Amino acid sequence: MRFAGVAEVAVTLSLLIPLLRHSLPRDHIPVHWNVYNTMQTKYPIGILGATGMVGQRFIQLLESHPWFEVAWLAASDRSSGKSYGEAAKWRLDTPMPERIARMTVSPADPTGAPKIIFAALDADIARDMEPKFAAAGCAVVSNSSAFRMDANVPLVIPEVNADHLHLIEEQSWRKESGGYMVTNPNCSAIGLVLALKPIEERFGIEQIFVTTMQAVSGAGYPGVPSMDILGNVVPYIKSEEEKMEAETLKLLGRFERNVIKPLGARMSAHCNRVAVEDGHTESVSIKLARPATREQMLAAWAEFRPLALQHLPMAPEQPIEFASQDDRPQPRLDKNRGRGMAVTVGRLRPCGLLDWKFTVLSHNTIRGAAGAAILNAELLRSLGKFDPEPPPDRSGAPQKRKAFEVGDAIADGLTALFS
């Protein structure tokens, strides 16, 4: 049968290529199928907690994103029904996008929400709300701490442990509705883990000692009262040390038989709030399992580019940058490296108690929050986790043979069209 036109071919491809992608082994997918991506419009996404500081950062970073477009905003009951411009007190250094300002804030309910949700909720609210969206078939990409340590929820930094995303398939939501949940780490853990990963891979790590100096933006808005933080250091952030220790070991753990086995290192964290607007600084000491020279440590960081061939829009070209100056990194000077997505390491020197010590800096609301979640979403998209699940193959034929049968049908149709 002859196709009526190119439009019909496009529709046929839009239905069949996702099926082929799921059916064929990934290394059998033809490169030229990437052309299909250009035929798609952007993925509509929603933001839960859109009026808060992290929600605002999501809006800012997604404004010109090539893959995702903000289509739905939700916040508390007091904001629901208002325009976003009326509901949100914009606190970032770029103007609120006009299109976003005109959008109406929706109730925080999955009915009518897009199937991709970025969640920027307080943990107590997230624990009740995020599962409702996953149960409704949504991919929930969360910045909340509520489910980070759940056994079947991936806690992911794409450069570090992308293989942990296999846990998605163990979630009950995935099996029942197609929905699932993925989380990114605490803002202090993410910079530390990025710096540790290439070292752990090459030399192993037995002990980690870290002291943080965390920016006030990490507390949200209005955050820490000015009389408490100006000219002061607050040596306590509720639950921060416990989260940092547990998350670091999970992130550096290994995925084995559908379970994450945490890194078997000993760790101690001291977390402090300091009078800095953005940028978490951390003083780190580590004991290695195998000896390493300074040159080997620097090479491990410089050569660490695991996403180089993925072409993910938010991924920094060089995820770990080394600052050779004696007095760097500094939040004011280095927080925006790699558009806020790179981690800066400096002051590498021998440690009198352990083996090596150094300083780490990361942007806490970009790499440590919204930017991390967006990068997770980009990785999910590149893995086909946003594509509709194909119908089950009940014919008994192997998946690969089925895929090639469908491919032959496409070829026959194209031949008929152009003959």
Protein backbone atom coordinates (compact mmCIF):
# COMPACT_ATOMS: atom_id res chain seq x y z
CA MET A 1 0.00 0.00 0.00
CA ARG A 2 1.32 3.44 -0.94
CA PHE A 3 1.61 6.09 1.82
CA ALA A 4 -0.36 9.28 1.16
CA GLY A 5 2.58 11.54 1.96
CA VAL A 6 5.55 12.43 4.11
CA ALA A 7 3.29 13.40 7.01
CA GLU A 8 2.06 9.81 7.25
CA VAL A 9 5.65 8.56 7.29
CA ALA A 10 6.47 10.93 10.13
CA VAL A 11 3.49 9.72 12.13
CA THR A 12 4.44 6.09 11.47
CA LEU A 13 8.02 6.73 12.58
CA SER A 14 6.86 8.58 15.70
CA LEU A 15 4.88 5.48 16.73
CA LEU A 16 7.34 2.78 15.71
CA ILE A 17 10.78 4.15 16.51
CA PRO A 18 10.16 4.23 20.29
CA LEU A 19 9.11 0.57 19.97
CA LEU A 20 12.29 -0.25 18.09
CA ARG A 21 14.40 1.60 20.62
CA HIS A 22 12.98 -0.52 23.42
CA SER A 23 13.23 -3.76 21.42
CA LEU A 24 16.72 -3.53 19.97
CA PRO A 25 19.89 -3.78 22.04
CA ARG A 26 21.27 -0.25 22.45
CA ASP A 27 24.38 -1.03 20.42
CA HIS A 28 22.16 -2.04 17.46
CA ILE A 29 20.30 1.27 17.23
CA PRO A 30 21.32 3.01 13.97
CA VAL A 31 23.01 6.35 14.44
CA HIS A 32 20.81 8.03 11.82
CA TRP A 33 17.75 7.42 14.00
CA ASN A 34 18.91 10.45 15.97
CA VAL A 35 17.31 12.45 13.15
CA TYR A 36 14.02 11.40 14.74
CA ASN A 37 14.86 13.59 17.73
CA THR A 38 14.74 16.69 15.54
CA MET A 39 11.17 15.79 14.56
CA GLN A 40 10.02 15.96 18.16
CA THR A 41 8.90 19.07 19.98
CA LYS A 42 10.27 19.80 23.44
CA TYR A 43 9.13 17.66 26.33
CA PRO A 44 6.56 19.52 28.44
CA ILE A 45 7.58 19.53 32.08
CA GLY A 46 6.02 20.60 35.34
CA ILE A 47 7.57 22.10 38.47
CA LEU A 48 6.32 21.28 41.96
CA GLY A 49 7.24 23.98 44.48
CA ALA A 50 7.65 26.48 41.65
CA THR A 51 7.59 29.66 43.76
CA GLY A 52 10.49 28.71 46.08
CA MET A 53 14.18 29.40 45.51
CA VAL A 54 14.94 26.05 43.89
CA GLY A 55 11.73 26.27 41.85
CA GLN A 56 12.81 29.67 40.57
CA ARG A 57 16.23 28.29 39.68
CA PHE A 58 14.51 25.51 37.68
CA ILE A 59 12.60 28.17 35.73
CA GLN A 60 15.75 30.19 35.09
CA LEU A 61 17.80 27.21 33.88
CA LEU A 62 15.00 25.76 31.73
CA GLU A 63 14.08 29.01 29.98
CA SER A 64 16.14 28.26 26.86
CA HIS A 65 16.63 24.53 27.30
CA PRO A 66 16.74 22.65 23.98
CA TRP A 67 14.86 19.56 25.24
CA PHE A 68 12.45 20.69 27.96
CA GLU A 69 9.80 23.40 28.21
CA VAL A 70 7.98 24.53 31.34
CA ALA A 71 4.28 23.81 30.76
CA TRP A 72 2.87 23.55 34.28
CA LEU A 73 3.63 25.20 37.61
CA ALA A 74 2.31 24.14 41.00
CA ALA A 75 2.76 25.51 44.50
CA SER A 76 0.92 25.82 47.80
CA ASP A 77 -2.81 26.45 48.14
CA ARG A 78 -2.22 30.15 48.75
CA SER A 79 -0.54 30.46 45.34
CA SER A 80 -2.91 28.22 43.38
CA GLY A 81 -5.07 30.11 40.90
CA LYS A 82 -2.83 33.17 40.79
CA SER A 83 -0.54 34.13 37.94
CA TYR A 84 3.03 33.10 38.63
CA GLY A 85 4.10 36.75 38.50
CA GLU A 86 1.66 37.51 41.29
CA ALA A 87 2.40 34.40 43.36
CA ALA A 88 6.21 34.35 43.26
CA LYS A 89 8.60 36.82 44.84
CA TRP A 90 11.38 36.52 42.24
CA ARG A 91 14.83 36.47 43.87
CA LEU A 92 17.25 35.65 41.07
CA ASP A 93 19.59 37.98 39.17
CA THR A 94 17.86 37.52 35.79
CA PRO A 95 14.34 38.80 35.00
CA MET A 96 11.37 36.51 35.47
CA PRO A 97 10.51 35.20 31.97
CA GLU A 98 7.38 36.96 30.69
CA ARG A 99 5.80 33.73 29.50
CA ILE A 100 6.24 32.20 32.94
CA ALA A 101 4.89 35.31 34.70
CA ARG A 102 1.61 34.94 32.79
CA MET A 103 1.16 31.26 33.61
CA THR A 104 -1.45 30.29 36.19
CA VAL A 105 -0.20 28.37 39.19
CA SER A 106 -2.01 25.04 39.41
CA PRO A 107 -2.97 22.97 42.44
CA ALA A 108 -0.30 20.43 43.40
CA ASP A 109 -2.27 17.51 42.00
CA PRO A 110 -1.22 15.08 39.25
CA THR A 111 -4.50 15.53 37.36
CA GLY A 112 -3.63 17.46 34.22
CA ALA A 113 0.09 17.61 35.05
CA PRO A 114 2.77 16.74 32.46
CA LYS A 115 4.42 13.34 32.69
CA ILE A 116 7.81 14.81 33.63
CA ILE A 117 7.90 16.58 36.99
CA PHE A 118 10.75 18.48 38.61
CA ALA A 119 10.10 18.55 42.35
CA ALA A 120 11.48 21.31 44.58
CA LEU A 121 9.61 20.55 47.79
CA ASP A 122 10.43 20.50 51.48
CA ALA A 123 11.03 16.94 52.63
CA ASP A 124 7.89 16.71 54.78
CA ILE A 125 5.66 17.77 51.88
CA ALA A 126 7.57 15.68 49.34
CA ARG A 127 7.12 12.47 51.30
CA ASP A 128 3.36 12.72 50.88
CA MET A 129 3.16 14.38 47.46
CA GLU A 130 5.86 12.89 45.24
CA PRO A 131 4.54 9.30 45.43
CA LYS A 132 1.14 10.52 44.21
CA PHE A 133 2.72 11.83 41.02
CA ALA A 134 4.80 8.68 40.50
CA ALA A 135 1.67 6.56 41.03
CA ALA A 136 -0.10 8.66 38.38
CA GLY A 137 2.54 7.68 35.81
CA CYS A 138 4.85 10.68 36.14
CA ALA A 139 8.64 10.63 36.06
CA VAL A 140 9.44 12.53 39.27
CA VAL A 141 12.92 14.08 39.21
CA SER A 142 13.27 15.25 42.77
CA ASN A 143 15.57 17.62 44.61
CA SER A 144 14.04 16.66 47.96
CA SER A 145 15.78 14.55 50.62
CA ALA A 146 12.60 12.60 51.41
CA PHE A 147 13.37 9.47 49.37
CA ARG A 148 17.11 9.72 48.70
CA MET A 149 18.01 6.84 50.98
CA ASP A 150 15.12 4.54 50.04
CA ALA A 151 16.51 1.23 48.83
CA ASN A 152 14.79 1.29 45.42
CA VAL A 153 15.11 5.03 44.66
CA PRO A 154 18.18 6.04 42.63
CA LEU A 155 20.29 8.81 44.17
CA VAL A 156 22.22 9.95 41.12
CA ILE A 157 25.02 12.16 39.88
CA PRO A 158 25.27 11.30 36.15
CA GLU A 159 29.08 11.49 36.07
CA VAL A 160 29.34 9.24 39.13
CA ASN A 161 26.72 6.50 39.23
CA ALA A 162 24.44 6.49 36.20
CA ASP A 163 24.15 2.71 36.50
CA HIS A 164 22.12 3.18 39.71
CA LEU A 165 19.21 4.27 37.49
CA HIS A 166 18.47 0.57 37.00
CA LEU A 167 16.71 0.82 40.38
CA ILE A 168 13.83 2.56 38.60
CA GLU A 169 12.65 -0.78 37.30
CA GLU A 170 12.32 -2.09 40.87
CA GLN A 171 9.83 0.59 41.91
CA SER A 172 6.19 -0.45 42.32
CA TRP A 173 5.04 2.72 40.53
CA ARG A 174 7.06 1.76 37.46
CA LYS A 175 5.42 -1.64 37.29
CA GLU A 176 1.90 -0.36 37.90
CA SER A 177 1.67 2.99 36.08
CA GLY A 178 5.02 3.56 34.36
CA GLY A 179 5.87 6.32 36.81
CA TYR A 180 9.04 6.44 38.88
CA MET A 181 11.22 8.63 41.08
CA VAL A 182 14.86 9.71 40.77
CA THR A 183 16.65 11.99 43.25
CA ASN A 184 19.74 14.16 43.27
CA PRO A 185 21.97 14.51 46.34
CA ASN A 186 22.26 17.03 49.13
CA CYS A 187 23.94 20.25 47.97
CA SER A 188 27.01 19.63 50.14
CA ALA A 189 27.40 15.96 49.15
CA ILE A 190 27.34 16.54 45.41
CA GLY A 191 30.51 18.64 45.18
CA LEU A 192 32.38 16.32 47.51
CA VAL A 193 31.36 13.16 45.65
CA LEU A 194 32.31 14.57 42.26
CA ALA A 195 35.78 15.31 43.60
CA LEU A 196 36.09 11.89 45.24
CA LYS A 197 34.81 9.69 42.41
CA PRO A 198 37.89 9.65 40.12
CA ILE A 199 40.15 9.24 43.16
CA GLU A 200 38.08 6.32 44.49
CA GLU A 201 38.07 4.64 41.07
CA ARG A 202 41.86 4.70 40.75
CA PHE A 203 43.14 4.40 44.30
CA GLY A 204 40.25 3.42 46.56
CA ILE A 205 39.23 5.46 49.63
CA GLU A 206 39.20 4.16 53.22
CA GLN A 207 38.49 7.31 55.25
CA ILE A 208 36.88 10.71 54.53
CA PHE A 209 36.95 13.76 56.81
CA VAL A 210 35.18 16.91 55.63
CA THR A 211 34.28 20.31 57.08
CA THR A 212 31.81 22.44 55.12
CA MET A 213 31.28 26.20 54.93
CA GLN A 214 27.80 26.41 53.41
CA ALA A 215 26.17 29.42 51.79
CA VAL A 216 22.97 30.95 53.16
CA SER A 217 21.07 30.29 49.92
CA GLY A 218 21.13 26.63 50.87
CA ALA A 219 18.60 27.45 53.60
CA GLY A 220 16.09 28.83 51.08
CA TYR A 221 14.28 32.16 51.42
CA PRO A 222 14.10 33.97 53.81
CA GLY A 223 16.62 31.50 55.22
CA VAL A 224 18.86 32.26 58.18
CA PRO A 225 17.93 35.49 60.05
CA SER A 226 20.42 38.28 59.34
CA MET A 227 21.19 38.80 63.04
CA ASP A 228 22.21 35.14 63.27
CA ILE A 229 24.52 35.02 60.26
CA LEU A 230 26.09 38.48 59.71
CA GLY A 231 29.59 38.50 61.15
CA ASN A 232 29.03 34.95 62.36
CA VAL A 233 29.38 31.23 61.67
CA VAL A 234 26.60 28.84 62.71
CA PRO A 235 28.16 25.42 63.44
CA TYR A 236 24.94 23.45 62.99
CA ILE A 237 22.60 22.67 60.09
CA LYS A 238 19.80 20.31 61.03
CA SER A 239 20.35 16.75 59.71
CA GLU A 240 23.02 17.98 57.28
CA GLU A 241 25.92 15.95 58.63
CA GLU A 242 23.88 12.74 58.72
CA LYS A 243 22.63 13.29 55.16
CA MET A 244 26.07 14.12 53.85
CA GLU A 245 27.67 11.02 55.33
CA ALA A 246 24.95 8.58 54.26
CA GLU A 247 24.47 10.00 50.77
CA THR A 248 28.19 10.12 49.99
CA LEU A 249 28.61 6.42 50.71
CA LYS A 250 25.48 5.48 48.73
CA LEU A 251 26.57 7.56 45.73
CA LEU A 252 30.02 5.96 45.69
CA GLY A 253 28.54 2.50 46.23
CA ARG A 254 28.21 -0.28 43.68
CA PHE A 255 25.07 -1.55 41.97
CA GLU A 256 25.00 -5.33 42.39
CA ARG A 257 22.00 -7.63 41.90
CA ASN A 258 19.50 -4.76 42.01
CA VAL A 259 20.90 -3.46 45.31
CA ILE A 260 23.24 -0.56 46.12
CA LYS A 261 26.16 -1.62 48.30
CA PRO A 262 27.52 1.57 49.94
CA LEU A 263 31.20 2.39 49.78
CA GLY A 264 32.93 0.68 52.70
CA ALA A 265 34.73 3.80 53.90
CA ARG A 266 34.61 5.53 57.27
CA MET A 267 33.42 9.13 57.10
CA SER A 268 32.98 12.15 59.38
CA ALA A 269 31.35 15.45 58.36
CA HIS A 270 31.17 18.82 60.14
CA CYS A 271 28.66 21.22 58.54
CA ASN A 272 28.62 24.98 59.11
CA ARG A 273 26.52 27.89 57.78
CA VAL A 274 28.57 30.95 56.79
CA ALA A 275 27.78 34.47 55.54
CA VAL A 276 28.20 33.69 51.83
CA GLU A 277 25.35 34.06 49.34
CA ASP A 278 26.08 31.15 46.95
CA GLY A 279 28.73 28.45 46.85
CA HIS A 280 29.56 25.68 49.33
CA THR A 281 33.24 25.37 50.28
CA GLU A 282 34.56 22.15 51.81
CA SER A 283 37.89 21.22 53.41
CA VAL A 284 38.53 17.53 52.74
CA SER A 285 41.05 14.97 54.00
CA ILE A 286 41.14 11.39 52.70
CA LYS A 287 42.99 8.14 53.34
CA LEU A 288 43.56 6.07 50.22
CA ALA A 289 43.57 2.29 49.84
CA ARG A 290 46.55 2.49 47.46
CA PRO A 291 49.30 5.15 47.35
CA ALA A 292 49.03 8.04 44.88
CA THR A 293 51.38 10.88 43.98
CA ARG A 294 50.27 14.48 43.54
CA GLU A 295 50.65 14.11 39.78
CA GLN A 296 48.42 11.02 39.79
CA MET A 297 45.75 12.81 41.83
CA LEU A 298 45.73 15.76 39.44
CA ALA A 299 45.61 13.45 36.42
CA ALA A 300 42.61 11.60 37.89
CA TRP A 301 40.66 14.85 38.14
CA ALA A 302 41.75 16.22 34.76
CA GLU A 303 40.92 13.01 32.89
CA PHE A 304 37.51 12.54 34.53
CA ARG A 305 35.01 13.28 31.73
CA PRO A 306 32.55 10.39 31.73
CA LEU A 307 29.79 12.32 29.92
CA ALA A 308 31.99 13.71 27.15
CA LEU A 309 30.24 11.73 24.39
CA GLN A 310 26.71 12.10 25.75
CA HIS A 311 26.15 15.73 24.64
CA LEU A 312 23.85 16.52 27.57
CA PRO A 313 23.04 20.26 27.54
CA MET A 314 23.63 20.89 31.28
CA ALA A 315 26.78 18.77 31.56
CA PRO A 316 29.97 20.81 31.99
CA GLU A 317 32.75 20.12 29.51
CA GLN A 318 35.15 19.61 32.42
CA PRO A 319 33.23 18.52 35.55
CA ILE A 320 36.24 18.95 37.88
CA GLU A 321 38.47 21.98 37.43
CA PHE A 322 41.68 22.40 39.42
CA ALA A 323 42.63 25.88 40.64
CA SER A 324 46.39 26.07 41.06
CA GLN A 325 46.48 29.37 42.98
CA ASP A 326 47.31 29.10 46.68
CA ASP A 327 44.15 30.95 47.75
CA ARG A 328 41.58 29.25 45.51
CA PRO A 329 38.85 28.15 45.11
CA GLN A 330 36.71 30.98 46.45
CA PRO A 331 32.90 31.28 46.15
CA ARG A 332 33.00 34.80 44.70
CA LEU A 333 35.52 33.89 42.01
CA ASP A 334 34.86 30.25 41.18
CA LYS A 335 31.24 29.29 41.87
CA ASN A 336 30.11 29.85 38.25
CA ARG A 337 32.71 27.67 36.55
CA GLY A 338 31.10 25.46 33.95
CA ARG A 339 27.94 27.64 34.13
CA GLY A 340 27.66 26.68 37.78
CA MET A 341 27.83 22.96 37.03
CA ALA A 342 31.57 22.35 37.49
CA VAL A 343 33.26 21.57 40.79
CA THR A 344 36.46 23.45 41.56
CA VAL A 345 39.24 21.74 43.53
CA GLY A 346 42.34 23.42 44.93
CA ARG A 347 45.00 23.43 47.65
CA LEU A 348 45.98 19.78 47.12
CA ARG A 349 48.68 18.89 49.65
CA PRO A 350 49.79 16.00 51.90
CA CYS A 351 47.78 15.46 55.08
CA GLY A 352 49.61 14.84 58.37
CA LEU A 353 46.82 12.58 59.69
CA LEU A 354 45.51 10.85 56.56
CA ASP A 355 47.06 10.90 53.05
CA TRP A 356 45.86 13.98 51.11
CA LYS A 357 43.85 17.11 51.81
CA PHE A 358 42.24 19.64 49.45
CA THR A 359 39.46 22.22 49.09
CA VAL A 360 36.27 21.73 47.06
CA LEU A 361 33.80 24.41 45.87
CA SER A 362 30.45 23.94 44.12
CA HIS A 363 27.46 26.16 43.35
CA ASN A 364 24.84 24.91 45.77
CA THR A 365 21.65 26.02 43.96
CA ILE A 366 22.83 25.10 40.44
CA ARG A 367 25.07 22.02 40.64
CA GLY A 368 23.75 21.27 44.11
CA ALA A 369 20.03 21.57 43.36
CA ALA A 370 18.12 22.55 40.18
CA GLY A 371 21.00 22.01 37.74
CA ALA A 372 21.64 18.55 39.18
CA ALA A 373 18.00 17.54 38.70
CA ILE A 374 17.94 18.85 35.12
CA LEU A 375 21.10 16.91 34.29
CA ASN A 376 19.49 13.78 35.75
CA ALA A 377 16.47 14.40 33.51
CA GLU A 378 18.72 14.81 30.47
CA LEU A 379 20.36 11.48 31.25
CA LEU A 380 16.95 9.83 31.65
CA ARG A 381 15.87 11.26 28.29
CA SER A 382 19.04 10.01 26.59
CA LEU A 383 18.33 6.52 27.97
CA GLY A 384 14.79 6.55 26.60
CA LYS A 385 13.17 6.68 30.03
CA PHE A 386 10.76 9.39 28.89
CA ASP A 387 9.59 7.40 25.85
CA PRO A 388 6.25 5.61 26.17
CA GLU A 389 6.60 1.99 27.18
CA PRO A 390 5.97 -0.35 24.21
CA PRO A 391 3.08 -2.82 24.40
CA PRO A 392 4.12 -6.27 25.66
CA ASP A 393 5.15 -8.74 22.96
CA ARG A 394 2.76 -11.67 23.39
CA SER A 395 3.70 -13.50 20.17
CA GLY A 396 6.49 -15.54 21.73
CA ALA A 397 9.01 -14.24 19.18
CA PRO A 398 12.31 -12.91 20.52
CA GLN A 399 12.36 -9.13 20.89
CA LYS A 400 15.17 -8.68 18.44
CA ARG A 401 13.36 -10.59 15.67
CA LYS A 402 10.17 -8.62 16.38
CA ALA A 403 12.07 -5.36 16.07
CA PHE A 404 13.52 -6.31 12.72
CA GLU A 405 10.07 -7.34 11.47
CA VAL A 406 8.76 -3.88 12.33
CA GLY A 407 11.85 -2.36 10.72
CA ASP A 408 11.14 -4.29 7.51
CA ALA A 409 7.59 -2.92 7.53
CA ILE A 410 8.94 0.64 7.74
CA ALA A 411 11.35 -0.05 4.89
CA ASP A 412 8.55 -1.48 2.73
CA GLY A 413 6.40 1.58 3.40
CA LEU A 414 9.20 4.00 2.49
CA THR A 415 9.91 2.04 -0.69
CA ALA A 416 6.24 2.25 -1.65
CA LEU A 417 6.18 5.97 -0.98
CA PHE A 418 9.12 6.84 -3.20
CA SER A 419 8.62 4.27 -5.96
